[in-house]
């Protein structure tokens, strides 16, 4: 009986040793999984490009993992200022229970169409407002069923904003 227990201990020790000896350390190297790409270099510089990669970025614990584009040593030294929209549209509160408030701030004369639709495309509210400066529009939501709606705001200049509205009772 003692020999059987001792034999099992030896076999178990040998199996554990073999498992540890077979294990390999993980190595990380920069690789790109792409459907196409190329590399070109001359005395002026180099160019490396790829296509067909997915874009994933994770930042956490002081680490950054980026896929989908090649990391370069180039530093951006200038950025153009974005063009400011001539209008600002605020829609609140969302989710809404009774009245939905729409505020349009515009620095030029313009006419806006407002359309509220449900998920099936049925129109529940339409109105037009125009002018410049700050314009307000209240939409009564109390008579509508609870659910999801879309509020479309667009101008004669084809500028628009689409907002998903959650209506609660």
Protein backbone atom coordinates (compact mmCIF):
# COMPACT_ATOMS: atom_id res chain seq x y z
CA UNK A 1 0.00 0.00 0.00
CA UNK A 2 2.85 2.38 0.91
CA UNK A 3 4.59 1.58 -2.36
CA UNK A 4 1.42 2.39 -4.32
CA UNK A 5 1.07 5.79 -2.62
CA UNK A 6 4.78 6.50 -3.13
CA UNK A 7 4.51 5.50 -6.80
CA UNK A 8 1.52 7.85 -7.30
CA UNK A 9 3.47 10.72 -5.75
CA UNK A 10 6.42 10.09 -8.07
CA UNK A 11 4.17 9.90 -11.16
CA UNK A 12 2.33 13.08 -10.13
CA UNK A 13 5.63 14.91 -9.56
CA UNK A 14 6.93 13.80 -12.96
CA UNK A 15 3.71 14.93 -14.70
CA UNK A 16 3.90 18.36 -13.05
CA UNK A 17 7.58 18.69 -14.00
CA UNK A 18 6.85 17.75 -17.63
CA UNK A 19 4.02 20.31 -17.79
CA UNK A 20 6.27 23.10 -16.50
CA UNK A 21 9.06 22.15 -18.88
CA UNK A 22 6.69 22.17 -21.85
CA UNK A 23 5.33 25.68 -21.08
CA UNK A 24 6.66 28.56 -23.17
CA UNK A 25 6.77 32.24 -22.37
CA UNK A 26 4.58 34.61 -24.37
CA UNK A 27 6.41 37.07 -26.56
CA UNK A 28 4.91 40.21 -28.04
CA UNK A 29 6.14 41.79 -31.21
CA UNK A 30 4.56 44.50 -33.34
CA UNK A 31 2.65 42.79 -36.13
CA UNK A 32 -0.01 43.94 -38.55
CA UNK A 33 -2.88 41.74 -39.69
CA UNK A 34 -3.98 43.32 -42.96
CA UNK A 35 -5.30 42.37 -46.38
CA UNK A 36 -2.78 44.52 -48.22
CA UNK A 37 -0.04 47.09 -47.88
CA UNK A 38 3.52 48.00 -48.80
CA UNK A 39 6.66 49.78 -47.64
CA UNK A 40 8.74 52.32 -49.56
CA UNK A 41 11.93 54.09 -48.49
CA UNK A 42 14.40 56.52 -50.07
CA UNK A 43 16.84 59.20 -48.89
CA UNK A 44 13.98 61.67 -48.20
CA UNK A 45 12.00 59.37 -45.89
CA UNK A 46 9.86 56.27 -45.77
CA UNK A 47 6.23 55.34 -46.29
CA UNK A 48 4.45 52.30 -44.88
CA UNK A 49 0.74 51.64 -45.42
CA UNK A 50 -1.81 48.88 -44.89
CA UNK A 51 -5.46 48.30 -45.73
CA UNK A 52 -8.20 46.11 -44.34
CA UNK A 53 -7.51 46.50 -40.62
CA UNK A 54 -10.14 46.96 -37.95
CA UNK A 55 -9.87 49.95 -35.62
CA UNK A 56 -9.68 49.27 -31.88
CA UNK A 57 -8.20 51.50 -29.19
CA UNK A 58 -8.04 50.63 -25.50
CA UNK A 59 -6.55 52.91 -22.87
CA UNK A 60 -6.26 51.69 -19.30
CA UNK A 61 -3.75 51.12 -16.52
CA UNK A 62 -1.28 53.42 -18.25
CA UNK A 63 -1.29 51.21 -21.35
CA UNK A 64 -2.53 51.96 -24.87
CA UNK A 65 -3.31 49.28 -27.43
CA UNK A 66 -4.07 50.58 -30.91
CA UNK A 67 -4.94 48.53 -33.94
CA UNK A 68 -6.22 49.62 -37.28
CA UNK A 69 -3.46 52.03 -38.15
CA UNK A 70 0.28 52.06 -37.92
CA UNK A 71 1.88 53.98 -35.10
CA UNK A 72 4.29 56.57 -36.43
CA UNK A 73 6.92 58.82 -34.98
CA UNK A 74 5.35 61.88 -36.59
CA UNK A 75 4.14 64.69 -34.34
CA UNK A 76 1.32 66.94 -35.50
CA UNK A 77 2.48 70.53 -35.25
CA UNK A 78 -0.58 72.43 -36.49
CA UNK A 79 -4.32 71.89 -36.61
CA UNK A 80 -6.79 74.12 -38.42
CA UNK A 81 -9.64 75.51 -36.37
CA UNK A 82 -12.95 73.85 -37.25
CA UNK A 83 -15.62 75.97 -38.89
CA UNK A 84 -18.28 76.99 -36.35
CA UNK A 85 -21.87 76.17 -37.22
CA UNK A 86 -23.99 79.29 -37.67
CA UNK A 87 -26.67 77.76 -35.42
CA UNK A 88 -27.07 75.80 -32.20
CA UNK A 89 -29.97 73.43 -31.45
CA UNK A 90 -30.80 72.25 -27.92
CA UNK A 91 -33.51 69.69 -27.16
CA UNK A 92 -34.42 68.96 -23.54
CA UNK A 93 -35.38 67.13 -21.35
CA UNK A 94 -34.64 63.72 -22.78
CA UNK A 95 -36.26 61.43 -21.66
CA UNK A 96 -39.41 63.58 -21.56
CA UNK A 97 -42.70 63.13 -19.71
CA UNK A 98 -44.85 66.15 -20.60
CA UNK A 99 -43.27 68.97 -22.67
CA UNK A 100 -40.26 68.75 -24.93
CA UNK A 101 -38.38 72.06 -25.26
CA UNK A 102 -36.56 73.02 -28.44
CA UNK A 103 -34.17 75.98 -28.49
CA UNK A 104 -32.55 77.20 -31.70
CA UNK A 105 -29.89 79.87 -31.57
CA UNK A 106 -29.02 81.28 -34.97
CA UNK A 107 -26.90 84.23 -36.04
CA UNK A 108 -28.57 84.55 -39.45
CA UNK A 109 -32.14 84.74 -40.71
CA UNK A 110 -33.45 81.24 -41.45
CA UNK A 111 -36.62 79.13 -41.45
CA UNK A 112 -36.74 75.76 -39.67
CA UNK A 113 -39.07 72.79 -40.09
CA UNK A 114 -39.70 70.62 -37.05
CA UNK A 115 -41.06 67.09 -37.43
CA UNK A 116 -41.68 64.52 -34.66
CA UNK A 117 -42.07 60.90 -35.84
CA UNK A 118 -42.49 57.58 -34.07
CA UNK A 119 -40.45 54.46 -34.83
CA UNK A 120 -42.88 53.47 -37.62
CA UNK A 121 -42.50 56.81 -39.41
CA UNK A 122 -45.90 58.20 -38.39
CA UNK A 123 -45.74 62.00 -38.05
CA UNK A 124 -47.12 63.24 -34.71
CA UNK A 125 -46.06 66.90 -34.86
CA UNK A 126 -44.97 69.40 -37.50
CA UNK A 127 -44.28 73.10 -37.29
CA UNK A 128 -42.21 75.81 -38.93
CA UNK A 129 -40.44 78.63 -37.14
CA UNK A 130 -38.26 81.33 -38.57
CA UNK A 131 -36.09 84.25 -37.67
CA UNK A 132 -32.70 84.87 -36.18
CA UNK A 133 -31.38 85.01 -32.64
CA UNK A 134 -32.88 82.67 -30.03
CA UNK A 135 -36.10 80.80 -30.92
CA UNK A 136 -38.09 78.50 -28.62
CA UNK A 137 -40.62 75.80 -29.44
CA UNK A 138 -42.46 73.57 -26.93
CA UNK A 139 -43.91 70.24 -28.04
CA UNK A 140 -46.68 68.68 -25.92
CA UNK A 141 -45.84 65.00 -25.45
CA UNK A 142 -48.58 64.14 -22.89
CA UNK A 143 -51.06 62.91 -25.50
CA UNK A 144 -48.51 60.59 -27.14
CA UNK A 145 -47.93 56.97 -26.18
CA UNK A 146 -44.83 56.05 -24.24
CA UNK A 147 -41.99 55.04 -26.57
CA UNK A 148 -39.19 56.20 -28.83
CA UNK A 149 -39.59 59.13 -31.20
CA UNK A 150 -37.31 61.01 -33.59
CA UNK A 151 -37.25 64.80 -33.76
CA UNK A 152 -36.06 66.18 -37.10
CA UNK A 153 -35.01 69.83 -37.31
CA UNK A 154 -33.91 71.15 -40.68
CA UNK A 155 -33.65 74.48 -42.43
CA UNK A 156 -34.16 75.70 -45.96
CA UNK A 157 -30.37 75.42 -46.32
CA UNK A 158 -30.61 71.63 -45.75
CA UNK A 159 -28.89 71.83 -42.36
CA UNK A 160 -30.49 69.40 -39.94
CA UNK A 161 -30.35 67.65 -36.61
CA UNK A 162 -32.00 64.33 -35.80
CA UNK A 163 -32.47 63.45 -32.13
CA UNK A 164 -33.81 60.25 -30.59
CA UNK A 165 -36.40 61.16 -27.93
CA UNK A 166 -37.49 58.76 -25.19
CA UNK A 167 -41.04 59.50 -23.99
CA UNK A 168 -41.97 58.23 -20.51
CA UNK A 169 -45.29 58.45 -18.66
